[in-house]
Amino acid sequence: MGFFDKLFSGLSKTRANMEELEEIFKNFSRWNDAEFYEELEEMLLMSDMSWDVVDIVIKRLRTRVNLDELTRGDQVKKALTGILSDILAGQDTSLKLGTKPSVILMTGVNGVGKTTTIGKLALMLKNEGRKVLLCAGDTFRAAAAEQLGIWAERSGSEIVAHEEGSDPASVVFDSIAAAKARGSDVIIVDTAGRLHNKQNLMNELAKIGRVIRRELPEADIETLMVLDATTGQNGLEQAKQFLETAELTGIVLTKLDGTAKGGIVYAIASQLKVPVKFIGVGEGVEDLLPFDPKSFSEALFE
């Protein structure tokens, strides 16, 4: 299955939630458009696009329809796709991994699919010819290191792990030393998704960041937050909390295939100003896709 086919299939629930859109576009009339915009607004809100984003989209669409004198529903649909693509445009969705080693710090609350995402990302990088080392920095969740070890084996990556309850920063320190000695290209660090309270979690992330910057002062560092798309606006609030401490460089949005809330991508772009870099559209190891803003918007309305 090709890239667009996977994306198209993965967004099926969001599209199904907006099936009425086709009928709405068919019934479009420039001379009696109040009902059209009202129904379109409702559909976009149901996809979890957030009110602020929907307001912007509707206003831009009205302007485009009037300026270009659009009279057919298919023309309006194409204009809408372009407006949504523009909201996501200008974001750097690539990974900056130019140094050896580079570091990818993976954050996110428990249950969002962080460890699985790490495994899929490791496999993707391995297939690109990079030597990957996994760091089991989530020492607080039972069996987290064992789960990461399974993914290390599946992806053909090396792993550094300590005993459960160890200091995560010390695992990161040892992982960096191992990566230098073994000639690893990329270190992917798993981090805790929950500690005794939010402040402890944020302090731990800050400590890990200091160790990385001290030991690898010239390294490229990506800090990616994994969000579960099925949580919609709740996930957005989680990201805002992490942004207070972690210098996020990107979002990985998982479980898009299991939700009708794919519009959350636009809310993330508008409110967080952090690019979505990968999306998860299935359980398979190859179902983690690099995010393509234009293809994403087109797949929603195909």
C-alpha atoms as a PDB file:
ATOM      1  CA  MET A   1       0.000   0.000   0.000  1.00  0.00           C
ATOM      2  CA  GLY A   2       1.398   3.397  -1.020  1.00  0.00           C
ATOM      3  CA  PHE A   3       1.817   6.455   1.192  1.00  0.00           C
ATOM      4  CA  PHE A   4      -1.405   8.202   0.149  1.00  0.00           C
ATOM      5  CA  ASP A   5      -3.398   4.958   0.322  1.00  0.00           C
ATOM      6  CA  LYS A   6      -2.241   4.403   3.921  1.00  0.00           C
ATOM      7  CA  LEU A   7      -3.062   7.986   4.793  1.00  0.00           C
ATOM      8  CA  PHE A   8      -6.450   7.804   3.066  1.00  0.00           C
ATOM      9  CA  SER A   9      -7.306   4.571   4.876  1.00  0.00           C
ATOM     10  CA  GLY A  10      -6.047   5.866   8.227  1.00  0.00           C
ATOM     11  CA  LEU A  11      -8.308   8.919   8.080  1.00  0.00           C
ATOM     12  CA  SER A  12     -11.412   6.937   7.177  1.00  0.00           C
ATOM     13  CA  LYS A  13     -13.165   7.559  10.512  1.00  0.00           C
ATOM     14  CA  THR A  14     -12.672  11.303  10.309  1.00  0.00           C
ATOM     15  CA  ARG A  15     -13.925  11.308   6.723  1.00  0.00           C
ATOM     16  CA  ALA A  16     -16.907   9.137   7.686  1.00  0.00           C
ATOM     17  CA  ASN A  17     -17.772  11.664  10.358  1.00  0.00           C
ATOM     18  CA  MET A  18     -17.914  14.291   7.624  1.00  0.00           C
ATOM     19  CA  GLU A  19     -19.745  12.241   4.967  1.00  0.00           C
ATOM     20  CA  GLU A  20     -22.471  14.843   4.933  1.00  0.00           C
ATOM     21  CA  LEU A  21     -19.930  17.267   3.498  1.00  0.00           C
ATOM     22  CA  GLU A  22     -20.372  15.855   0.007  1.00  0.00           C
ATOM     23  CA  GLU A  23     -24.077  16.616   0.171  1.00  0.00           C
ATOM     24  CA  ILE A  24     -23.334  20.037   1.619  1.00  0.00           C
ATOM     25  CA  PHE A  25     -20.992  20.858  -1.269  1.00  0.00           C
ATOM     26  CA  LYS A  26     -23.501  19.552  -3.823  1.00  0.00           C
ATOM     27  CA  ASN A  27     -26.149  21.883  -2.444  1.00  0.00           C
ATOM     28  CA  PHE A  28     -23.843  24.904  -2.380  1.00  0.00           C
ATOM     29  CA  SER A  29     -25.336  28.094  -3.753  1.00  0.00           C
ATOM     30  CA  ARG A  30     -23.424  31.327  -3.708  1.00  0.00           C
ATOM     31  CA  TRP A  31     -26.686  33.241  -3.602  1.00  0.00           C
ATOM     32  CA  ASN A  32     -28.075  31.409  -0.565  1.00  0.00           C
ATOM     33  CA  ASP A  33     -25.004  30.292   1.386  1.00  0.00           C
ATOM     34  CA  ALA A  34     -25.934  30.912   5.040  1.00  0.00           C
ATOM     35  CA  GLU A  35     -27.083  27.321   5.585  1.00  0.00           C
ATOM     36  CA  PHE A  36     -24.004  25.985   3.753  1.00  0.00           C
ATOM     37  CA  TYR A  37     -21.543  27.764   6.046  1.00  0.00           C
ATOM     38  CA  GLU A  38     -23.491  26.803   9.144  1.00  0.00           C
ATOM     39  CA  GLU A  39     -23.461  23.099   8.224  1.00  0.00           C
ATOM     40  CA  LEU A  40     -19.800  23.211   7.184  1.00  0.00           C
ATOM     41  CA  GLU A  41     -18.869  24.842  10.493  1.00  0.00           C
ATOM     42  CA  GLU A  42     -20.655  22.087  12.395  1.00  0.00           C
ATOM     43  CA  MET A  43     -18.867  19.326  10.459  1.00  0.00           C
ATOM     44  CA  LEU A  44     -15.439  20.863  11.029  1.00  0.00           C
ATOM     45  CA  LEU A  45     -16.098  21.293  14.750  1.00  0.00           C
ATOM     46  CA  MET A  46     -17.116  17.627  14.979  1.00  0.00           C
ATOM     47  CA  SER A  47     -13.664  16.702  13.668  1.00  0.00           C
ATOM     48  CA  ASP A  48     -12.142  18.503  16.696  1.00  0.00           C
ATOM     49  CA  MET A  49     -10.693  21.304  14.625  1.00  0.00           C
ATOM     50  CA  SER A  50     -11.342  23.750  17.523  1.00  0.00           C
ATOM     51  CA  TRP A  51     -13.541  26.814  17.335  1.00  0.00           C
ATOM     52  CA  ASP A  52     -10.681  29.286  16.738  1.00  0.00           C
ATOM     53  CA  VAL A  53      -9.456  27.366  13.698  1.00  0.00           C
ATOM     54  CA  VAL A  54     -12.944  26.808  12.290  1.00  0.00           C
ATOM     55  CA  ASP A  55     -13.682  30.524  12.601  1.00  0.00           C
ATOM     56  CA  ILE A  56     -10.536  31.341  10.619  1.00  0.00           C
ATOM     57  CA  VAL A  57     -11.328  28.712   7.979  1.00  0.00           C
ATOM     58  CA  ILE A  58     -14.923  29.878   7.450  1.00  0.00           C
ATOM     59  CA  LYS A  59     -13.896  33.536   7.154  1.00  0.00           C
ATOM     60  CA  ARG A  60     -11.149  32.729   4.637  1.00  0.00           C
ATOM     61  CA  LEU A  61     -13.470  30.512   2.648  1.00  0.00           C
ATOM     62  CA  ARG A  62     -16.140  33.216   2.453  1.00  0.00           C
ATOM     63  CA  THR A  63     -13.532  35.656   1.179  1.00  0.00           C
ATOM     64  CA  ARG A  64     -12.197  33.185  -1.390  1.00  0.00           C
ATOM     65  CA  VAL A  65     -15.681  32.336  -2.672  1.00  0.00           C
ATOM     66  CA  ASN A  66     -16.561  36.014  -3.107  1.00  0.00           C
ATOM     67  CA  LEU A  67     -13.258  37.153  -4.624  1.00  0.00           C
ATOM     68  CA  ASP A  68     -13.005  34.237  -7.073  1.00  0.00           C
ATOM     69  CA  GLU A  69     -16.764  34.230  -7.688  1.00  0.00           C
ATOM     70  CA  LEU A  70     -17.013  30.484  -7.100  1.00  0.00           C
ATOM     71  CA  THR A  71     -20.390  29.046  -8.025  1.00  0.00           C
ATOM     72  CA  ARG A  72     -19.927  25.255  -7.868  1.00  0.00           C
ATOM     73  CA  GLY A  73     -19.548  23.011  -4.853  1.00  0.00           C
ATOM     74  CA  ASP A  74     -16.451  21.273  -6.247  1.00  0.00           C
ATOM     75  CA  GLN A  75     -14.743  24.646  -6.585  1.00  0.00           C
ATOM     76  CA  VAL A  76     -15.556  25.491  -2.986  1.00  0.00           C
ATOM     77  CA  LYS A  77     -14.328  22.088  -1.815  1.00  0.00           C
ATOM     78  CA  LYS A  78     -10.997  22.642  -3.593  1.00  0.00           C
ATOM     79  CA  ALA A  79     -10.738  26.103  -2.032  1.00  0.00           C
ATOM     80  CA  LEU A  80     -11.385  24.638   1.435  1.00  0.00           C
ATOM     81  CA  THR A  81      -8.652  22.033   0.959  1.00  0.00           C
ATOM     82  CA  GLY A  82      -6.232  24.787  -0.040  1.00  0.00           C
ATOM     83  CA  ILE A  83      -7.091  26.889   3.012  1.00  0.00           C
ATOM     84  CA  LEU A  84      -6.568  23.934   5.350  1.00  0.00           C
ATOM     85  CA  SER A  85      -3.226  23.157   3.681  1.00  0.00           C
ATOM     86  CA  ASP A  86      -2.185  26.785   4.158  1.00  0.00           C
ATOM     87  CA  ILE A  87      -2.829  26.539   7.911  1.00  0.00           C
ATOM     88  CA  LEU A  88      -0.253  23.737   8.063  1.00  0.00           C
ATOM     89  CA  ALA A  89       2.148  25.303   5.567  1.00  0.00           C
ATOM     90  CA  GLY A  90       5.530  26.664   6.565  1.00  0.00           C
ATOM     91  CA  GLN A  91       6.136  24.093   9.285  1.00  0.00           C
ATOM     92  CA  ASP A  92       9.382  22.142   9.224  1.00  0.00           C
ATOM     93  CA  THR A  93       8.120  18.567   9.414  1.00  0.00           C
ATOM     94  CA  SER A  94      11.535  16.964   8.876  1.00  0.00           C
ATOM     95  CA  LEU A  95      13.803  15.587  11.595  1.00  0.00           C
ATOM     96  CA  LYS A  96      17.072  17.435  12.153  1.00  0.00           C
ATOM     97  CA  LEU A  97      19.574  14.618  12.664  1.00  0.00           C
ATOM     98  CA  GLY A  98      22.771  15.957  11.134  1.00  0.00           C
ATOM     99  CA  THR A  99      25.207  15.190  13.958  1.00  0.00           C
ATOM    100  CA  LYS A 100      26.652  11.861  15.077  1.00  0.00           C
ATOM    101  CA  PRO A 101      25.128  11.048  17.401  1.00  0.00           C
ATOM    102  CA  SER A 102      21.882  12.975  17.255  1.00  0.00           C
ATOM    103  CA  VAL A 103      19.248  12.645  19.966  1.00  0.00           C
ATOM    104  CA  ILE A 104      15.494  12.171  19.811  1.00  0.00           C
ATOM    105  CA  LEU A 105      13.872  12.736  23.203  1.00  0.00           C
ATOM    106  CA  MET A 106      10.410  11.160  23.310  1.00  0.00           C
ATOM    107  CA  THR A 107       7.893  12.604  25.761  1.00  0.00           C
ATOM    108  CA  GLY A 108       4.199  12.082  26.444  1.00  0.00           C
ATOM    109  CA  VAL A 109       1.850  10.754  29.104  1.00  0.00           C
ATOM    110  CA  ASN A 110       1.358   7.032  29.665  1.00  0.00           C
ATOM    111  CA  GLY A 111      -1.001   5.260  27.299  1.00  0.00           C
ATOM    112  CA  VAL A 112      -0.479   7.359  24.179  1.00  0.00           C
ATOM    113  CA  GLY A 113       1.627   4.730  22.410  1.00  0.00           C
ATOM    114  CA  LYS A 114       5.021   6.295  23.122  1.00  0.00           C
ATOM    115  CA  THR A 115       7.067   3.084  23.377  1.00  0.00           C
ATOM    116  CA  THR A 116       5.446   1.608  20.274  1.00  0.00           C
ATOM    117  CA  THR A 117       6.130   4.836  18.400  1.00  0.00           C
ATOM    118  CA  ILE A 118       9.780   4.684  19.454  1.00  0.00           C
ATOM    119  CA  GLY A 119      10.032   1.178  18.022  1.00  0.00           C
ATOM    120  CA  LYS A 120       8.434   2.188  14.724  1.00  0.00           C
ATOM    121  CA  LEU A 121      10.642   5.271  14.478  1.00  0.00           C
ATOM    122  CA  ALA A 122      13.749   3.177  15.212  1.00  0.00           C
ATOM    123  CA  LEU A 123      12.808   0.794  12.408  1.00  0.00           C
ATOM    124  CA  MET A 124      12.235   3.697  10.021  1.00  0.00           C
ATOM    125  CA  LEU A 125      15.666   5.170  10.810  1.00  0.00           C
ATOM    126  CA  LYS A 126      17.316   1.730  10.580  1.00  0.00           C
ATOM    127  CA  ASN A 127      15.814   1.291   7.110  1.00  0.00           C
ATOM    128  CA  GLU A 128      17.395   4.614   6.166  1.00  0.00           C
ATOM    129  CA  GLY A 129      20.784   3.119   7.055  1.00  0.00           C
ATOM    130  CA  ARG A 130      21.226   4.719  10.460  1.00  0.00           C
ATOM    131  CA  LYS A 131      22.593   2.925  13.512  1.00  0.00           C
ATOM    132  CA  VAL A 132      20.083   3.445  16.328  1.00  0.00           C
ATOM    133  CA  LEU A 133      20.515   3.080  20.088  1.00  0.00           C
ATOM    134  CA  LEU A 134      17.473   3.062  22.376  1.00  0.00           C
ATOM    135  CA  CYS A 135      17.693   4.495  25.884  1.00  0.00           C
ATOM    136  CA  ALA A 136      15.244   3.043  28.429  1.00  0.00           C
ATOM    137  CA  GLY A 137      14.813   6.297  30.342  1.00  0.00           C
ATOM    138  CA  ASP A 138      11.350   5.451  31.674  1.00  0.00           C
ATOM    139  CA  THR A 139      12.549   3.672  34.794  1.00  0.00           C
ATOM    140  CA  PHE A 140       9.388   4.332  36.775  1.00  0.00           C
ATOM    141  CA  ARG A 141       6.820   2.307  34.811  1.00  0.00           C
ATOM    142  CA  ALA A 142       6.884  -1.415  35.465  1.00  0.00           C
ATOM    143  CA  ALA A 143       8.205  -3.435  32.510  1.00  0.00           C
ATOM    144  CA  ALA A 144       8.855  -0.298  30.422  1.00  0.00           C
ATOM    145  CA  ALA A 145      12.448  -1.367  29.717  1.00  0.00           C
ATOM    146  CA  GLU A 146      11.328  -4.888  28.772  1.00  0.00           C
ATOM    147  CA  GLN A 147       8.758  -3.477  26.350  1.00  0.00           C
ATOM    148  CA  LEU A 148      11.375  -1.215  24.800  1.00  0.00           C
ATOM    149  CA  GLY A 149      13.733  -4.191  24.582  1.00  0.00           C
ATOM    150  CA  ILE A 150      11.207  -6.057  22.450  1.00  0.00           C
ATOM    151  CA  TRP A 151      11.108  -3.131  20.043  1.00  0.00           C
ATOM    152  CA  ALA A 152      14.904  -2.921  20.036  1.00  0.00           C
ATOM    153  CA  GLU A 153      14.987  -6.536  18.864  1.00  0.00           C
ATOM    154  CA  ARG A 154      12.279  -5.985  16.244  1.00  0.00           C
ATOM    155  CA  SER A 155      13.984  -2.927  14.828  1.00  0.00           C
ATOM    156  CA  GLY A 156      17.527  -4.278  15.017  1.00  0.00           C
ATOM    157  CA  SER A 157      18.585  -1.525  17.416  1.00  0.00           C
ATOM    158  CA  GLU A 158      20.836  -1.606  20.464  1.00  0.00           C
ATOM    159  CA  ILE A 159      19.499  -0.683  23.891  1.00  0.00           C
ATOM    160  CA  VAL A 160      20.835   0.632  27.191  1.00  0.00           C
ATOM    161  CA  ALA A 161      18.697  -0.049  30.279  1.00  0.00           C
ATOM    162  CA  HIS A 162      19.107   0.048  34.061  1.00  0.00           C
ATOM    163  CA  GLU A 163      17.083  -1.518  36.848  1.00  0.00           C
ATOM    164  CA  GLU A 164      13.549  -0.342  37.495  1.00  0.00           C
ATOM    165  CA  GLY A 165      13.550   2.750  39.721  1.00  0.00           C
ATOM    166  CA  SER A 166      17.011   3.913  38.621  1.00  0.00           C
ATOM    167  CA  ASP A 167      17.778   7.560  37.976  1.00  0.00           C
ATOM    168  CA  PRO A 168      16.646   8.252  34.379  1.00  0.00           C
ATOM    169  CA  ALA A 169      19.376  10.846  33.870  1.00  0.00           C
ATOM    170  CA  SER A 170      22.024   8.216  34.663  1.00  0.00           C
ATOM    171  CA  VAL A 171      20.550   5.928  31.998  1.00  0.00           C
ATOM    172  CA  VAL A 172      20.766   8.800  29.525  1.00  0.00           C
ATOM    173  CA  PHE A 173      24.383   9.465  30.552  1.00  0.00           C
ATOM    174  CA  ASP A 174      25.343   5.823  29.995  1.00  0.00           C
ATOM    175  CA  SER A 175      23.448   5.720  26.701  1.00  0.00           C
ATOM    176  CA  ILE A 176      25.384   8.704  25.395  1.00  0.00           C
ATOM    177  CA  ALA A 177      28.681   7.059  26.404  1.00  0.00           C
ATOM    178  CA  ALA A 178      27.609   3.836  24.672  1.00  0.00           C
ATOM    179  CA  ALA A 179      26.554   5.687  21.526  1.00  0.00           C
ATOM    180  CA  LYS A 180      29.925   7.423  21.317  1.00  0.00           C
ATOM    181  CA  ALA A 181      31.798   4.135  21.812  1.00  0.00           C
ATOM    182  CA  ARG A 182      29.672   2.165  19.331  1.00  0.00           C
ATOM    183  CA  GLY A 183      29.399   4.806  16.630  1.00  0.00           C
ATOM    184  CA  SER A 184      25.612   5.151  16.858  1.00  0.00           C
ATOM    185  CA  ASP A 185      23.956   7.692  14.593  1.00  0.00           C
ATOM    186  CA  VAL A 186      20.834   8.342  16.654  1.00  0.00           C
ATOM    187  CA  ILE A 187      19.903   7.908  20.328  1.00  0.00           C
ATOM    188  CA  ILE A 188      16.171   7.643  20.982  1.00  0.00           C
ATOM    189  CA  VAL A 189      15.377   8.327  24.640  1.00  0.00           C
ATOM    190  CA  ASP A 190      12.184   6.998  26.216  1.00  0.00           C
ATOM    191  CA  THR A 191      11.023   9.140  29.153  1.00  0.00           C
ATOM    192  CA  ALA A 192       8.540   8.720  31.969  1.00  0.00           C
ATOM    193  CA  GLY A 193       4.939   9.617  31.228  1.00  0.00           C
ATOM    194  CA  ARG A 194       3.859   9.924  34.841  1.00  0.00           C
ATOM    195  CA  LEU A 195       5.564  10.524  38.183  1.00  0.00           C
ATOM    196  CA  HIS A 196       4.131  11.431  41.588  1.00  0.00           C
ATOM    197  CA  ASN A 197       2.989  14.789  40.290  1.00  0.00           C
ATOM    198  CA  LYS A 198       3.342  16.986  37.220  1.00  0.00           C
ATOM    199  CA  GLN A 199       6.180  19.021  38.721  1.00  0.00           C
ATOM    200  CA  ASN A 200       8.281  15.910  39.389  1.00  0.00           C
ATOM    201  CA  LEU A 201       7.765  14.821  35.795  1.00  0.00           C
ATOM    202  CA  MET A 202       8.783  18.183  34.398  1.00  0.00           C
ATOM    203  CA  ASN A 203      11.816  18.374  36.698  1.00  0.00           C
ATOM    204  CA  GLU A 204      12.936  14.958  35.485  1.00  0.00           C
ATOM    205  CA  LEU A 205      12.614  16.003  31.843  1.00  0.00           C
ATOM    206  CA  ALA A 206      14.616  19.162  32.542  1.00  0.00           C
ATOM    207  CA  LYS A 207      17.351  17.130  34.261  1.00  0.00           C
ATOM    208  CA  ILE A 208      17.593  14.744  31.301  1.00  0.00           C
ATOM    209  CA  GLY A 209      17.842  17.731  28.969  1.00  0.00           C
ATOM    210  CA  ARG A 210      20.734  19.175  30.967  1.00  0.00           C
ATOM    211  CA  VAL A 211      22.642  15.874  30.795  1.00  0.00           C
ATOM    212  CA  ILE A 212      22.208  15.684  27.027  1.00  0.00           C
ATOM    213  CA  ARG A 213      23.329  19.272  26.451  1.00  0.00           C
ATOM    214  CA  ARG A 214      26.332  18.818  28.760  1.00  0.00           C
ATOM    215  CA  GLU A 215      27.536  15.557  27.214  1.00  0.00           C
ATOM    216  CA  LEU A 216      26.614  16.386  23.615  1.00  0.00           C
ATOM    217  CA  PRO A 217      26.801  20.193  23.382  1.00  0.00           C
ATOM    218  CA  GLU A 218      26.940  20.216  19.567  1.00  0.00           C
ATOM    219  CA  ALA A 219      24.349  17.509  18.945  1.00  0.00           C
ATOM    220  CA  ASP A 220      21.103  17.954  17.058  1.00  0.00           C
ATOM    221  CA  ILE A 221      18.296  17.301  19.533  1.00  0.00           C
ATOM    222  CA  GLU A 222      14.691  16.636  18.591  1.00  0.00           C
ATOM    223  CA  THR A 223      12.146  16.653  21.422  1.00  0.00           C
ATOM    224  CA  LEU A 224       8.991  14.956  20.207  1.00  0.00           C
ATOM    225  CA  MET A 225       5.755  14.669  22.155  1.00  0.00           C
ATOM    226  CA  VAL A 226       3.509  11.715  21.408  1.00  0.00           C
ATOM    227  CA  LEU A 227      -0.203  12.580  21.490  1.00  0.00           C
ATOM    228  CA  ASP A 228      -3.138  10.195  21.248  1.00  0.00           C
ATOM    229  CA  ALA A 229      -5.475  11.604  18.588  1.00  0.00           C
ATOM    230  CA  THR A 230      -8.483   9.922  20.196  1.00  0.00           C
ATOM    231  CA  THR A 231      -8.184  12.296  23.184  1.00  0.00           C
ATOM    232  CA  GLY A 232      -8.753  15.328  20.965  1.00  0.00           C
ATOM    233  CA  GLN A 233      -8.691  18.621  22.839  1.00  0.00           C
ATOM    234  CA  ASN A 234      -7.507  16.879  26.039  1.00  0.00           C
ATOM    235  CA  GLY A 235      -4.326  15.940  24.211  1.00  0.00           C
ATOM    236  CA  LEU A 236      -3.889  19.567  23.248  1.00  0.00           C
ATOM    237  CA  GLU A 237      -4.002  20.547  26.918  1.00  0.00           C
ATOM    238  CA  GLN A 238      -1.376  17.877  27.718  1.00  0.00           C
ATOM    239  CA  ALA A 239       0.908  19.346  25.073  1.00  0.00           C
ATOM    240  CA  LYS A 240       0.514  22.846  26.509  1.00  0.00           C
ATOM    241  CA  GLN A 241       1.666  21.544  29.909  1.00  0.00           C
ATOM    242  CA  PHE A 242       4.742  19.866  28.417  1.00  0.00           C
ATOM    243  CA  LEU A 243       5.559  23.030  26.479  1.00  0.00           C
ATOM    244  CA  GLU A 244       5.999  24.828  29.793  1.00  0.00           C
ATOM    245  CA  THR A 245       9.162  22.795  30.483  1.00  0.00           C
ATOM    246  CA  ALA A 246      10.227  20.856  27.410  1.00  0.00           C
ATOM    247  CA  GLU A 247      11.405  22.643  24.279  1.00  0.00           C
ATOM    248  CA  LEU A 248       9.235  20.613  21.932  1.00  0.00           C
ATOM    249  CA  THR A 249      10.379  20.496  18.312  1.00  0.00           C
ATOM    250  CA  GLY A 250       7.569  18.313  17.043  1.00  0.00           C
ATOM    251  CA  ILE A 251       4.431  16.285  17.664  1.00  0.00           C
ATOM    252  CA  VAL A 252       3.773  12.630  16.836  1.00  0.00           C
ATOM    253  CA  LEU A 253       0.028  12.095  16.559  1.00  0.00           C
ATOM    254  CA  THR A 254      -0.892   8.436  17.110  1.00  0.00           C
ATOM    255  CA  LYS A 255      -4.095   6.406  16.661  1.00  0.00           C
ATOM    256  CA  LEU A 256      -5.540   8.602  13.908  1.00  0.00           C
ATOM    257  CA  ASP A 257      -7.051   5.465  12.396  1.00  0.00           C
ATOM    258  CA  GLY A 258      -9.134   4.961  15.545  1.00  0.00           C
ATOM    259  CA  THR A 259     -10.763   8.369  15.772  1.00  0.00           C
ATOM    260  CA  ALA A 260     -13.020  10.780  13.933  1.00  0.00           C
ATOM    261  CA  LYS A 261     -11.048  13.687  15.434  1.00  0.00           C
ATOM    262  CA  GLY A 262      -8.408  14.108  12.731  1.00  0.00           C
ATOM    263  CA  GLY A 263      -9.106  17.845  12.679  1.00  0.00           C
ATOM    264  CA  ILE A 264      -7.016  18.129  15.848  1.00  0.00           C
ATOM    265  CA  VAL A 265      -3.989  18.465  13.534  1.00  0.00           C
ATOM    266  CA  TYR A 266      -5.118  21.966  12.577  1.00  0.00           C
ATOM    267  CA  ALA A 267      -5.729  22.935  16.200  1.00  0.00           C
ATOM    268  CA  ILE A 268      -2.189  21.808  17.059  1.00  0.00           C
ATOM    269  CA  ALA A 269      -0.711  23.878  14.236  1.00  0.00           C
ATOM    270  CA  SER A 270      -2.729  26.958  15.152  1.00  0.00           C
ATOM    271  CA  GLN A 271      -2.497  26.903  18.959  1.00  0.00           C
ATOM    272  CA  LEU A 272       0.801  25.197  19.772  1.00  0.00           C
ATOM    273  CA  LYS A 273       2.913  26.486  16.880  1.00  0.00           C
ATOM    274  CA  VAL A 274       4.719  23.117  16.988  1.00  0.00           C
ATOM    275  CA  PRO A 275       4.863  21.064  13.783  1.00  0.00           C
ATOM    276  CA  VAL A 276       3.324  17.610  13.516  1.00  0.00           C
ATOM    277  CA  LYS A 277       6.210  15.466  12.247  1.00  0.00           C
ATOM    278  CA  PHE A 278       4.697  11.969  12.215  1.00  0.00           C
ATOM    279  CA  ILE A 279       1.248  10.431  12.326  1.00  0.00           C
ATOM    280  CA  GLY A 280       0.243   6.905  13.319  1.00  0.00           C
ATOM    281  CA  VAL A 281      -2.473   5.399  11.097  1.00  0.00           C
ATOM    282  CA  GLY A 282      -2.430   1.761  12.183  1.00  0.00           C
ATOM    283  CA  GLU A 283      -0.912  -0.965  14.323  1.00  0.00           C
ATOM    284  CA  GLY A 284       1.641  -2.154  11.760  1.00  0.00           C
ATOM    285  CA  VAL A 285       5.323  -1.327  12.060  1.00  0.00           C
ATOM    286  CA  GLU A 286       5.141   0.652   8.813  1.00  0.00           C
ATOM    287  CA  ASP A 287       2.036   2.609   9.813  1.00  0.00           C
ATOM    288  CA  LEU A 288       4.016   5.514  11.265  1.00  0.00           C
ATOM    289  CA  LEU A 289       4.080   8.055   8.433  1.00  0.00           C
ATOM    290  CA  PRO A 290       6.064  11.268   7.960  1.00  0.00           C
ATOM    291  CA  PHE A 291       3.534  14.073   8.086  1.00  0.00           C
ATOM    292  CA  ASP A 292       2.757  15.723   4.744  1.00  0.00           C
ATOM    293  CA  PRO A 293       0.439  18.729   5.268  1.00  0.00           C
ATOM    294  CA  LYS A 294      -0.866  18.907   1.694  1.00  0.00           C
ATOM    295  CA  SER A 295      -1.538  15.177   1.407  1.00  0.00           C
ATOM    296  CA  PHE A 296      -3.237  15.168   4.807  1.00  0.00           C
ATOM    297  CA  SER A 297      -5.706  17.899   3.845  1.00  0.00           C
ATOM    298  CA  GLU A 298      -6.416  16.267   0.496  1.00  0.00           C
ATOM    299  CA  ALA A 299      -7.012  12.859   2.103  1.00  0.00           C
ATOM    300  CA  LEU A 300      -9.655  14.334   4.397  1.00  0.00           C
ATOM    301  CA  PHE A 301     -11.857  15.377   1.505  1.00  0.00           C
ATOM    302  CA  GLU A 302     -11.135  12.838  -1.238  1.00  0.00           C
END
